[in-house]
Amino acid sequence: MTMSKTLLSPMPPSAGAMLIRGAAAPRALGLPALGALALLICIPFILNQAFSYHLAIFICINAIVVTSLSVLARSGQISLCHGALVGIGAYASVACVKGLGLPFLVGVFAAMIAAGGVAYLLGRIVLRLQGVYFVLVTFAFSELVRLVLLEWGDVTGGANGVTGIPAASIAGYVFNEKPAFYALAVVATIGALVFFRFFYASPAGEAVDAVGENPALAEASGVGVRRTQLYAFTLASAFAGLGGALLAHYLGYISPESFNMHYSIALIIMMVVGGRRFLFGGLIGALVMTPLPEFFRGAVESQDIFYGVALILILRFMPQGLAGVRLPFMKRRPV
């Protein structure tokens, strides 16, 4: 069994049939779910601690990136270069804002275009491959990006990275304080979730789900498998670029090692733990897995052990992820 089929557990036949028929229409969240989401958003403001804001900002950024990765996963492919695409977005935004003096929003747009454009060019070449072969090629591409960033020191700063990155600013307001940047990250996260909520209910989103569930049936129904996967790869990478831009302008420093293979693997783990078939799977995965390194800061080896154990348990007992767990006020039907 290939790696992609191992990580991407199949949906129940009934759920797959509903998705192929286009049954995933957007639905309003229940009041308990909205209340829980509002409470989570307000917790950092209630605690009002620098560490709480810092952790919440990383959760928001990871939620955006993992949610975008799930788009490709729902089309039936697993990528090990998503972290590198986040890095491409980060460096593109820094080049525009710090290098050219352009506004922050222009840098964000450039980050999304750069990451999406690179993914489009790469996808046209490698999306003919399936399963473990596609995974290996994306792994090689991730290492290639890291080496280029290291060797292209005149532009990227090499191993020393780029420092002194300007803080995000919109309409003259500078988000240089943690509470302000957290508010910006929350707005970006909600915007991404709203976008993907309606995307999955659109014909393009239904095509992505159909290809991921049954490529042969989708092809026979007139849905181009490679074309759909290329679209999913490009869209996922564009939002990865958005996450990279936010990360760069929050930290004020980036380096090639910030976007290495470990980051890509961590994103996949968050996606699997949260649930790739659910809209809020990326948010739940980021909410659960992002704080763990802080709790295991004194024992680096324990982080990898815990990640491995968590992934095995999730795949064994909750193949649909934490978002697939039935709660009294939630429906299990994927979005």
Protein backbone atom coordinates (compact mmCIF):
# COMPACT_ATOMS: atom_id res chain seq x y z
CA MET A 1 0.00 0.00 0.00
CA THR A 2 1.38 3.38 -0.93
CA MET A 3 2.15 6.13 1.56
CA SER A 4 -0.64 8.37 0.29
CA LYS A 5 -3.25 5.64 0.66
CA THR A 6 -1.97 4.89 4.15
CA LEU A 7 -2.26 8.47 5.36
CA LEU A 8 -5.39 9.31 3.41
CA SER A 9 -7.90 6.85 4.77
CA PRO A 10 -10.88 6.35 2.45
CA MET A 11 -14.23 7.86 3.23
CA PRO A 12 -17.28 5.70 3.81
CA PRO A 13 -18.94 4.87 0.46
CA SER A 14 -22.08 6.81 1.41
CA ALA A 15 -20.08 9.95 2.17
CA GLY A 16 -18.13 9.63 -1.06
CA ALA A 17 -21.33 9.24 -3.04
CA MET A 18 -22.80 12.35 -1.44
CA LEU A 19 -19.69 14.36 -2.30
CA ILE A 20 -19.66 13.20 -5.92
CA ARG A 21 -23.32 14.20 -6.21
CA GLY A 22 -22.46 17.63 -4.86
CA ALA A 23 -24.24 17.30 -1.51
CA ALA A 24 -21.68 19.27 0.48
CA ALA A 25 -23.66 22.50 0.62
CA PRO A 26 -22.57 25.15 3.12
CA ARG A 27 -24.49 24.97 6.40
CA ALA A 28 -24.65 27.34 9.33
CA LEU A 29 -22.76 26.30 12.44
CA GLY A 30 -24.82 25.55 15.54
CA LEU A 31 -24.86 27.96 18.45
CA PRO A 32 -22.74 25.67 20.70
CA ALA A 33 -20.05 25.40 18.00
CA LEU A 34 -20.09 29.15 17.41
CA GLY A 35 -19.87 29.76 21.15
CA ALA A 36 -16.93 27.39 21.52
CA LEU A 37 -15.15 29.04 18.59
CA ALA A 38 -15.75 32.52 20.01
CA LEU A 39 -14.43 31.39 23.40
CA LEU A 40 -11.26 30.00 21.82
CA ILE A 41 -10.68 33.28 20.02
CA CYS A 42 -11.14 35.29 23.22
CA ILE A 43 -8.91 33.15 25.47
CA PRO A 44 -5.65 34.99 24.60
CA PHE A 45 -7.34 38.35 25.22
CA ILE A 46 -8.61 37.07 28.57
CA LEU A 47 -5.22 35.73 29.64
CA ASN A 48 -3.49 38.81 28.20
CA GLN A 49 -0.04 37.24 28.32
CA ALA A 50 2.69 37.56 25.70
CA PHE A 51 3.19 33.79 25.56
CA SER A 52 -0.56 33.18 25.06
CA TYR A 53 -0.67 35.63 22.17
CA HIS A 54 2.48 34.10 20.66
CA LEU A 55 1.05 30.59 20.80
CA ALA A 56 -2.33 31.69 19.45
CA ILE A 57 -0.71 33.47 16.50
CA PHE A 58 1.18 30.31 15.56
CA ILE A 59 -2.03 28.28 15.87
CA CYS A 60 -3.77 30.66 13.45
CA ILE A 61 -0.93 30.56 10.93
CA ASN A 62 -0.67 26.77 11.14
CA ALA A 63 -4.45 26.46 10.78
CA ILE A 64 -4.33 28.40 7.49
CA VAL A 65 -1.45 26.32 6.13
CA VAL A 66 -2.85 22.95 7.24
CA THR A 67 -6.32 23.79 5.90
CA SER A 68 -4.72 24.58 2.55
CA LEU A 69 -2.75 21.32 2.62
CA SER A 70 -6.00 19.40 3.12
CA VAL A 71 -7.20 20.66 -0.29
CA LEU A 72 -4.45 18.68 -1.99
CA ALA A 73 -5.02 15.73 0.32
CA ARG A 74 -8.71 15.66 -0.56
CA SER A 75 -7.70 15.36 -4.21
CA GLY A 76 -5.77 12.17 -3.37
CA GLN A 77 -2.16 13.41 -3.12
CA ILE A 78 0.23 14.00 -0.22
CA SER A 79 2.95 16.64 -0.53
CA LEU A 80 6.18 16.85 1.42
CA CYS A 81 7.07 20.26 0.03
CA HIS A 82 4.29 22.33 1.62
CA GLY A 83 6.71 23.77 4.15
CA ALA A 84 9.02 24.83 1.31
CA LEU A 85 6.11 26.59 -0.38
CA VAL A 86 5.41 28.43 2.86
CA GLY A 87 9.05 29.52 2.73
CA ILE A 88 8.72 30.70 -0.87
CA GLY A 89 5.78 32.84 0.17
CA ALA A 90 7.67 34.23 3.15
CA TYR A 91 10.72 35.21 1.10
CA ALA A 92 8.56 36.69 -1.67
CA SER A 93 6.71 38.90 0.79
CA VAL A 94 9.94 40.01 2.45
CA ALA A 95 11.47 40.84 -0.95
CA CYS A 96 8.50 43.06 -1.79
CA VAL A 97 8.07 44.79 1.58
CA LYS A 98 11.65 45.08 2.80
CA GLY A 99 13.50 44.99 -0.51
CA LEU A 100 11.18 47.12 -2.67
CA GLY A 101 9.38 49.10 0.02
CA LEU A 102 5.93 48.00 -1.14
CA PRO A 103 2.88 47.82 1.18
CA PHE A 104 2.28 44.76 3.31
CA LEU A 105 -0.85 43.70 1.40
CA VAL A 106 1.10 43.81 -1.85
CA GLY A 107 3.67 41.54 -0.21
CA VAL A 108 0.94 39.11 0.84
CA PHE A 109 -0.45 39.06 -2.69
CA ALA A 110 3.05 38.48 -4.09
CA ALA A 111 3.58 35.64 -1.59
CA MET A 112 0.41 33.89 -2.72
CA ILE A 113 1.25 34.38 -6.41
CA ALA A 114 4.85 33.18 -5.96
CA ALA A 115 3.94 30.03 -4.01
CA GLY A 116 0.98 29.24 -6.25
CA GLY A 117 2.99 29.88 -9.41
CA VAL A 118 5.85 27.61 -8.34
CA ALA A 119 3.35 24.89 -7.41
CA TYR A 120 1.63 25.24 -10.79
CA LEU A 121 4.90 24.81 -12.68
CA LEU A 122 5.96 21.90 -10.47
CA GLY A 123 2.54 20.27 -10.68
CA ARG A 124 2.49 20.31 -14.46
CA ILE A 125 5.63 18.18 -14.37
CA VAL A 126 5.13 15.83 -11.42
CA LEU A 127 1.37 15.34 -11.05
CA ARG A 128 1.53 12.53 -13.57
CA LEU A 129 3.07 10.58 -10.72
CA GLN A 130 0.87 8.98 -8.10
CA GLY A 131 1.26 7.72 -4.55
CA VAL A 132 4.73 7.28 -3.13
CA TYR A 133 6.41 8.54 -6.30
CA PHE A 134 4.73 11.94 -6.00
CA VAL A 135 5.67 12.05 -2.31
CA LEU A 136 9.33 11.36 -3.11
CA VAL A 137 9.45 14.04 -5.80
CA THR A 138 7.95 16.64 -3.47
CA PHE A 139 10.50 15.60 -0.83
CA ALA A 140 13.32 16.19 -3.33
CA PHE A 141 11.83 19.55 -4.34
CA SER A 142 11.63 20.63 -0.70
CA GLU A 143 15.32 19.91 -0.23
CA LEU A 144 16.11 21.70 -3.50
CA VAL A 145 14.31 24.84 -2.30
CA ARG A 146 16.16 24.72 1.01
CA LEU A 147 19.54 24.39 -0.72
CA VAL A 148 18.76 27.24 -3.14
CA LEU A 149 17.82 29.49 -0.23
CA LEU A 150 21.04 28.55 1.54
CA GLU A 151 23.29 29.10 -1.48
CA TRP A 152 21.61 32.24 -2.81
CA GLY A 153 22.98 34.30 0.05
CA ASP A 154 23.00 37.64 -1.74
CA VAL A 155 19.20 37.56 -1.94
CA THR A 156 18.06 35.26 0.86
CA GLY A 157 20.76 35.92 3.44
CA GLY A 158 21.93 32.31 3.23
CA ALA A 159 22.20 30.40 6.49
CA ASN A 160 22.00 33.66 8.44
CA GLY A 161 18.52 34.35 7.10
CA VAL A 162 16.83 37.74 6.81
CA THR A 163 16.47 39.99 9.84
CA GLY A 164 14.76 43.31 10.41
CA ILE A 165 11.61 42.38 8.49
CA PRO A 166 9.05 45.21 8.85
CA ALA A 167 5.93 44.54 10.86
CA ALA A 168 2.63 44.16 9.03
CA SER A 169 0.81 47.40 8.38
CA ILE A 170 -2.53 48.18 6.75
CA ALA A 171 -3.82 51.68 6.01
CA GLY A 172 -1.15 53.20 8.20
CA TYR A 173 -1.83 50.96 11.22
CA VAL A 174 1.21 48.93 12.24
CA PHE A 175 0.59 45.51 13.80
CA ASN A 176 3.77 45.56 15.86
CA GLU A 177 2.15 44.44 19.12
CA LYS A 178 1.17 40.83 19.78
CA PRO A 179 -2.52 41.53 20.54
CA ALA A 180 -2.86 43.52 17.32
CA PHE A 181 -1.14 40.89 15.19
CA TYR A 182 -3.24 38.17 16.83
CA ALA A 183 -6.37 40.03 15.76
CA LEU A 184 -4.98 40.20 12.22
CA ALA A 185 -4.17 36.47 12.28
CA VAL A 186 -7.70 35.65 13.49
CA VAL A 187 -9.24 37.67 10.66
CA ALA A 188 -6.97 35.93 8.12
CA THR A 189 -7.85 32.51 9.55
CA ILE A 190 -11.59 33.16 9.53
CA GLY A 191 -11.31 34.51 5.98
CA ALA A 192 -9.48 31.37 4.84
CA LEU A 193 -12.05 29.09 6.51
CA VAL A 194 -14.96 30.97 4.96
CA PHE A 195 -13.31 30.79 1.55
CA PHE A 196 -12.75 27.04 1.76
CA ARG A 197 -16.23 26.47 3.17
CA PHE A 198 -17.78 27.83 0.00
CA PHE A 199 -15.04 26.38 -2.20
CA TYR A 200 -15.90 22.82 -1.15
CA ALA A 201 -19.56 23.48 -2.01
CA SER A 202 -18.65 24.79 -5.46
CA PRO A 203 -18.31 22.60 -8.59
CA ALA A 204 -14.50 22.92 -8.34
CA GLY A 205 -14.54 21.71 -4.74
CA GLU A 206 -16.87 18.84 -5.58
CA ALA A 207 -14.50 17.85 -8.38
CA VAL A 208 -11.59 17.79 -5.93
CA ASP A 209 -13.52 15.48 -3.59
CA ALA A 210 -14.66 13.26 -6.44
CA VAL A 211 -11.10 12.83 -7.74
CA GLY A 212 -9.80 12.02 -4.27
CA GLU A 213 -12.55 9.48 -3.61
CA ASN A 214 -12.59 7.63 -6.94
CA PRO A 215 -10.27 8.90 -9.70
CA ALA A 216 -11.50 6.36 -12.25
CA LEU A 217 -15.16 7.25 -11.70
CA ALA A 218 -14.34 10.96 -11.79
CA GLU A 219 -12.46 10.55 -15.09
CA ALA A 220 -15.33 8.56 -16.55
CA SER A 221 -17.72 11.34 -15.47
CA GLY A 222 -15.75 13.93 -17.38
CA VAL A 223 -13.66 15.32 -14.50
CA GLY A 224 -9.98 15.62 -15.47
CA VAL A 225 -7.96 14.03 -12.66
CA ARG A 226 -4.62 15.71 -13.39
CA ARG A 227 -6.25 19.06 -14.14
CA THR A 228 -8.20 18.95 -10.87
CA GLN A 229 -5.17 17.91 -8.83
CA LEU A 230 -3.11 20.66 -10.45
CA TYR A 231 -5.79 23.18 -9.50
CA ALA A 232 -5.88 21.83 -5.94
CA PHE A 233 -2.07 21.92 -5.67
CA THR A 234 -1.93 25.52 -6.93
CA LEU A 235 -4.72 26.74 -4.65
CA ALA A 236 -3.27 24.97 -1.61
CA SER A 237 0.15 26.47 -2.28
CA ALA A 238 -1.24 29.99 -2.70
CA PHE A 239 -2.68 29.85 0.82
CA ALA A 240 0.58 28.35 2.05
CA GLY A 241 2.19 31.52 0.71
CA LEU A 242 -0.30 33.55 2.76
CA GLY A 243 0.80 31.67 5.88
CA GLY A 244 4.44 32.30 5.00
CA ALA A 245 3.87 36.05 4.64
CA LEU A 246 2.12 36.25 8.03
CA LEU A 247 4.89 34.21 9.65
CA ALA A 248 7.68 36.38 8.24
CA HIS A 249 6.14 39.68 9.27
CA TYR A 250 5.25 38.39 12.71
CA LEU A 251 8.65 36.97 13.62
CA GLY A 252 10.69 39.63 11.84
CA TYR A 253 13.20 36.93 10.90
CA ILE A 254 13.25 33.97 8.52
CA SER A 255 15.90 31.47 7.47
CA PRO A 256 15.96 28.40 5.19
CA GLU A 257 15.94 26.09 8.20
CA SER A 258 12.58 27.53 9.26
CA PHE A 259 10.98 25.72 6.30
CA ASN A 260 12.78 22.39 6.29
CA MET A 261 11.40 18.87 5.98
CA HIS A 262 10.46 18.68 9.65
CA TYR A 263 8.02 21.53 9.16
CA SER A 264 6.34 19.80 6.21
CA ILE A 265 5.99 16.58 8.21
CA ALA A 266 4.54 18.50 11.16
CA LEU A 267 1.93 20.01 8.82
CA ILE A 268 0.91 16.55 7.59
CA ILE A 269 0.62 15.30 11.16
CA MET A 270 -1.61 18.26 12.08
CA MET A 271 -3.80 17.54 9.05
CA VAL A 272 -4.18 13.85 9.84
CA VAL A 273 -4.79 14.44 13.55
CA GLY A 274 -7.38 17.14 12.86
CA GLY A 275 -9.12 15.38 9.98
CA ARG A 276 -8.49 16.13 6.32
CA ARG A 277 -12.13 15.68 5.26
CA PHE A 278 -13.48 18.34 7.61
CA LEU A 279 -13.36 22.10 7.22
CA PHE A 280 -12.23 22.64 10.79
CA GLY A 281 -9.80 19.71 10.73
CA GLY A 282 -6.83 21.99 10.06
CA LEU A 283 -7.83 24.31 12.90
CA ILE A 284 -8.31 21.42 15.33
CA GLY A 285 -5.02 19.80 14.30
CA ALA A 286 -3.14 23.08 14.74
CA LEU A 287 -4.88 23.72 18.05
CA VAL A 288 -3.82 20.32 19.41
CA MET A 289 -0.35 19.88 17.92
CA THR A 290 1.08 23.42 17.89
CA PRO A 291 1.40 23.78 21.70
CA LEU A 292 3.07 20.37 22.15
CA PRO A 293 6.67 21.50 21.47
CA GLU A 294 6.30 24.06 24.25
CA PHE A 295 5.35 21.34 26.72
CA PHE A 296 8.27 19.16 25.59
CA ARG A 297 10.84 21.93 25.16
CA GLY A 298 13.21 20.25 27.62
CA ALA A 299 13.13 16.89 25.86
CA VAL A 300 13.44 17.19 22.10
CA GLU A 301 13.41 13.40 21.59
CA SER A 302 10.07 13.14 23.37
CA GLN A 303 8.47 15.40 20.77
CA ASP A 304 9.11 12.94 17.94
CA ILE A 305 8.00 10.00 20.07
CA PHE A 306 4.76 11.71 21.03
CA TYR A 307 4.06 12.78 17.45
CA GLY A 308 4.58 9.21 16.27
CA VAL A 309 2.37 7.71 18.97
CA ALA A 310 -0.36 10.32 18.36
CA LEU A 311 -0.31 9.68 14.61
CA ILE A 312 -0.53 5.89 15.06
CA LEU A 313 -3.41 6.17 17.54
CA ILE A 314 -5.31 8.59 15.32
CA LEU A 315 -4.90 6.40 12.24
CA ARG A 316 -5.94 3.31 14.21
CA PHE A 317 -8.90 4.54 16.25
CA MET A 318 -9.98 7.80 14.56
CA PRO A 319 -9.14 7.50 10.85
CA GLN A 320 -11.28 10.57 10.11
CA GLY A 321 -9.33 12.66 12.67
CA LEU A 322 -10.46 14.52 15.77
CA ALA A 323 -12.94 16.54 13.73
CA GLY A 324 -14.72 13.29 12.90
CA VAL A 325 -15.48 12.49 16.53
CA ARG A 326 -19.21 12.68 17.11
CA LEU A 327 -20.20 15.23 19.72
CA PRO A 328 -23.72 15.96 21.00
CA PHE A 329 -23.89 19.32 19.19
CA MET A 330 -21.94 18.43 16.03
CA LYS A 331 -22.80 16.46 12.93
CA ARG A 332 -20.23 14.03 11.68
CA ARG A 333 -20.93 14.67 8.06
CA PRO A 334 -17.77 16.03 6.37
CA VAL A 335 -17.76 19.52 4.92
